[in-house]
Amino acid sequence: MNFEVQDCNGSKLSVGDKVLYGDPKPGDEWHHTGTITKITEPDVDYDDEAGRPVMTNPYVHIHFEDDGTDEECHTYNDTPVGWNDYPDGPSHYIYQAEDLELIVP
């Protein structure tokens, strides 16, 4: 599966990027700044009750240098799907991490 993870502004995220996490108050941004350490792969499993496929979206793992903590940020599927994707689905998936904003150096 070909996929990418984007921040709240649509910028592509990758391991090693500096990001702003959450919605800090002005002047408190330094406490919410971290580094992406890992992006998990999307996965599909089957619901035992109904037998239908269930998508597990990627998670973005962030490490905060100021206090040494780690955080896991959930993403949601933001892939545009059209009739040309039928019947197999899109060839490229886009997931968005709304709580993250890429810090451009």
C-alpha atoms as a PDB file:
ATOM      1  CA  MET A   1       0.000   0.000   0.000  1.00  0.00           C
ATOM      2  CA  ASN A   2       1.343   3.397  -1.013  1.00  0.00           C
ATOM      3  CA  PHE A   3       0.545   6.110   1.560  1.00  0.00           C
ATOM      4  CA  GLU A   4       1.643   9.417   3.038  1.00  0.00           C
ATOM      5  CA  VAL A   5       0.860  11.287   6.255  1.00  0.00           C
ATOM      6  CA  GLN A   6       0.185  15.030   6.197  1.00  0.00           C
ATOM      7  CA  ASP A   7      -0.083  17.704   8.883  1.00  0.00           C
ATOM      8  CA  CYS A   8      -3.070  20.018   9.428  1.00  0.00           C
ATOM      9  CA  ASN A   9      -1.925  22.227   6.515  1.00  0.00           C
ATOM     10  CA  GLY A  10      -1.381  19.400   4.019  1.00  0.00           C
ATOM     11  CA  SER A  11       2.428  19.281   4.349  1.00  0.00           C
ATOM     12  CA  LYS A  12       3.926  15.800   4.045  1.00  0.00           C
ATOM     13  CA  LEU A  13       5.379  14.443   7.309  1.00  0.00           C
ATOM     14  CA  SER A  14       8.276  12.025   7.671  1.00  0.00           C
ATOM     15  CA  VAL A  15      10.502  10.603  10.399  1.00  0.00           C
ATOM     16  CA  GLY A  16      12.919  13.233  11.740  1.00  0.00           C
ATOM     17  CA  ASP A  17      10.639  16.218  11.055  1.00  0.00           C
ATOM     18  CA  LYS A  18      10.134  18.814  13.798  1.00  0.00           C
ATOM     19  CA  VAL A  19       6.453  19.377  14.540  1.00  0.00           C
ATOM     20  CA  LEU A  20       4.215  21.477  16.748  1.00  0.00           C
ATOM     21  CA  TYR A  21       1.771  19.257  18.654  1.00  0.00           C
ATOM     22  CA  GLY A  22      -1.690  20.382  19.766  1.00  0.00           C
ATOM     23  CA  ASP A  23      -2.856  23.954  20.133  1.00  0.00           C
ATOM     24  CA  PRO A  24      -0.406  25.760  22.429  1.00  0.00           C
ATOM     25  CA  LYS A  25      -0.993  29.225  23.828  1.00  0.00           C
ATOM     26  CA  PRO A  26       1.191  32.005  22.374  1.00  0.00           C
ATOM     27  CA  GLY A  27       4.676  31.819  23.889  1.00  0.00           C
ATOM     28  CA  ASP A  28       4.227  28.175  24.948  1.00  0.00           C
ATOM     29  CA  GLU A  29       5.168  26.654  21.561  1.00  0.00           C
ATOM     30  CA  TRP A  30       8.574  25.422  22.782  1.00  0.00           C
ATOM     31  CA  HIS A  31       6.869  23.012  25.188  1.00  0.00           C
ATOM     32  CA  HIS A  32       4.779  21.533  22.331  1.00  0.00           C
ATOM     33  CA  THR A  33       7.642  21.078  19.869  1.00  0.00           C
ATOM     34  CA  GLY A  34       8.815  17.535  19.171  1.00  0.00           C
ATOM     35  CA  THR A  35      10.461  15.261  16.630  1.00  0.00           C
ATOM     36  CA  ILE A  36       8.709  12.486  14.703  1.00  0.00           C
ATOM     37  CA  THR A  37      10.410   9.212  15.650  1.00  0.00           C
ATOM     38  CA  LYS A  38       8.134   6.716  13.882  1.00  0.00           C
ATOM     39  CA  ILE A  39       5.130   6.507  11.546  1.00  0.00           C
ATOM     40  CA  THR A  40       3.306   3.181  11.652  1.00  0.00           C
ATOM     41  CA  GLU A  41       1.932   1.427   8.585  1.00  0.00           C
ATOM     42  CA  PRO A  42      -1.819   1.331   7.954  1.00  0.00           C
ATOM     43  CA  ASP A  43      -3.293  -2.110   8.556  1.00  0.00           C
ATOM     44  CA  VAL A  44      -6.503  -3.980   7.819  1.00  0.00           C
ATOM     45  CA  ASP A  45      -8.037  -6.559  10.113  1.00  0.00           C
ATOM     46  CA  TYR A  46     -11.384  -8.311  10.175  1.00  0.00           C
ATOM     47  CA  ASP A  47     -14.108  -7.636  12.731  1.00  0.00           C
ATOM     48  CA  ASP A  48     -14.825 -10.957  14.481  1.00  0.00           C
ATOM     49  CA  GLU A  49     -18.544 -10.228  14.865  1.00  0.00           C
ATOM     50  CA  ALA A  50     -19.454  -9.158  11.332  1.00  0.00           C
ATOM     51  CA  GLY A  51     -16.470 -10.421   9.345  1.00  0.00           C
ATOM     52  CA  ARG A  52     -16.050  -7.004   7.685  1.00  0.00           C
ATOM     53  CA  PRO A  53     -12.643  -5.418   7.117  1.00  0.00           C
ATOM     54  CA  VAL A  54     -11.610  -2.695   9.584  1.00  0.00           C
ATOM     55  CA  MET A  55      -8.870  -0.190   8.670  1.00  0.00           C
ATOM     56  CA  THR A  56      -6.317   0.816  11.305  1.00  0.00           C
ATOM     57  CA  ASN A  57      -4.900   4.204  10.370  1.00  0.00           C
ATOM     58  CA  PRO A  58      -1.224   5.063  10.898  1.00  0.00           C
ATOM     59  CA  TYR A  59       0.001   6.606  14.151  1.00  0.00           C
ATOM     60  CA  VAL A  60       2.683   9.274  14.344  1.00  0.00           C
ATOM     61  CA  HIS A  61       5.068   8.885  17.302  1.00  0.00           C
ATOM     62  CA  ILE A  62       6.594  12.116  18.629  1.00  0.00           C
ATOM     63  CA  HIS A  63       9.423  12.639  21.129  1.00  0.00           C
ATOM     64  CA  PHE A  64       9.589  15.883  23.123  1.00  0.00           C
ATOM     65  CA  GLU A  65      13.168  16.840  23.961  1.00  0.00           C
ATOM     66  CA  ASP A  66      12.272  19.343  26.704  1.00  0.00           C
ATOM     67  CA  ASP A  67      10.819  16.755  29.099  1.00  0.00           C
ATOM     68  CA  GLY A  68      11.759  13.436  27.460  1.00  0.00           C
ATOM     69  CA  THR A  69       8.162  12.271  26.942  1.00  0.00           C
ATOM     70  CA  ASP A  70       6.688  10.507  23.936  1.00  0.00           C
ATOM     71  CA  GLU A  71       3.258  10.968  22.415  1.00  0.00           C
ATOM     72  CA  GLU A  72       1.256   9.015  19.850  1.00  0.00           C
ATOM     73  CA  CYS A  73      -0.872  11.021  17.405  1.00  0.00           C
ATOM     74  CA  HIS A  74      -3.807   9.445  15.556  1.00  0.00           C
ATOM     75  CA  THR A  75      -4.485  10.111  11.862  1.00  0.00           C
ATOM     76  CA  TYR A  76      -7.593   9.875   9.736  1.00  0.00           C
ATOM     77  CA  ASN A  77      -8.066   8.834   6.127  1.00  0.00           C
ATOM     78  CA  ASP A  78      -8.335  11.903   3.863  1.00  0.00           C
ATOM     79  CA  THR A  79      -7.936  10.112   0.518  1.00  0.00           C
ATOM     80  CA  PRO A  80     -10.088  11.489  -2.292  1.00  0.00           C
ATOM     81  CA  VAL A  81     -11.928   8.578  -3.919  1.00  0.00           C
ATOM     82  CA  GLY A  82     -13.586   8.711  -7.349  1.00  0.00           C
ATOM     83  CA  TRP A  83     -15.127   6.351  -9.860  1.00  0.00           C
ATOM     84  CA  ASN A  84     -11.718   5.734 -11.416  1.00  0.00           C
ATOM     85  CA  ASP A  85     -10.716   3.954  -8.185  1.00  0.00           C
ATOM     86  CA  TYR A  86     -13.420   1.297  -8.595  1.00  0.00           C
ATOM     87  CA  PRO A  87     -13.274  -1.664  -7.851  1.00  0.00           C
ATOM     88  CA  ASP A  88      -9.849  -1.944  -6.168  1.00  0.00           C
ATOM     89  CA  GLY A  89      -9.716   1.408  -4.379  1.00  0.00           C
ATOM     90  CA  PRO A  90      -7.115   4.161  -4.672  1.00  0.00           C
ATOM     91  CA  SER A  91      -3.479   3.363  -5.399  1.00  0.00           C
ATOM     92  CA  HIS A  92      -2.233   6.100  -3.023  1.00  0.00           C
ATOM     93  CA  TYR A  93      -3.716   6.847   0.412  1.00  0.00           C
ATOM     94  CA  ILE A  94      -3.460  10.151   2.269  1.00  0.00           C
ATOM     95  CA  TYR A  95      -3.763  10.279   6.058  1.00  0.00           C
ATOM     96  CA  GLN A  96      -3.953  13.522   7.987  1.00  0.00           C
ATOM     97  CA  ALA A  97      -2.662  14.198  11.509  1.00  0.00           C
ATOM     98  CA  GLU A  98      -4.767  17.207  12.504  1.00  0.00           C
ATOM     99  CA  ASP A  99      -2.944  17.742  15.805  1.00  0.00           C
ATOM    100  CA  LEU A 100       0.434  18.251  14.108  1.00  0.00           C
ATOM    101  CA  GLU A 101       1.952  21.166  12.225  1.00  0.00           C
ATOM    102  CA  LEU A 102       5.276  20.845  10.404  1.00  0.00           C
ATOM    103  CA  ILE A 103       7.924  23.317  11.569  1.00  0.00           C
ATOM    104  CA  VAL A 104       9.763  24.536   8.499  1.00  0.00           C
ATOM    105  CA  PRO A 105      13.445  25.249   9.255  1.00  0.00           C
END
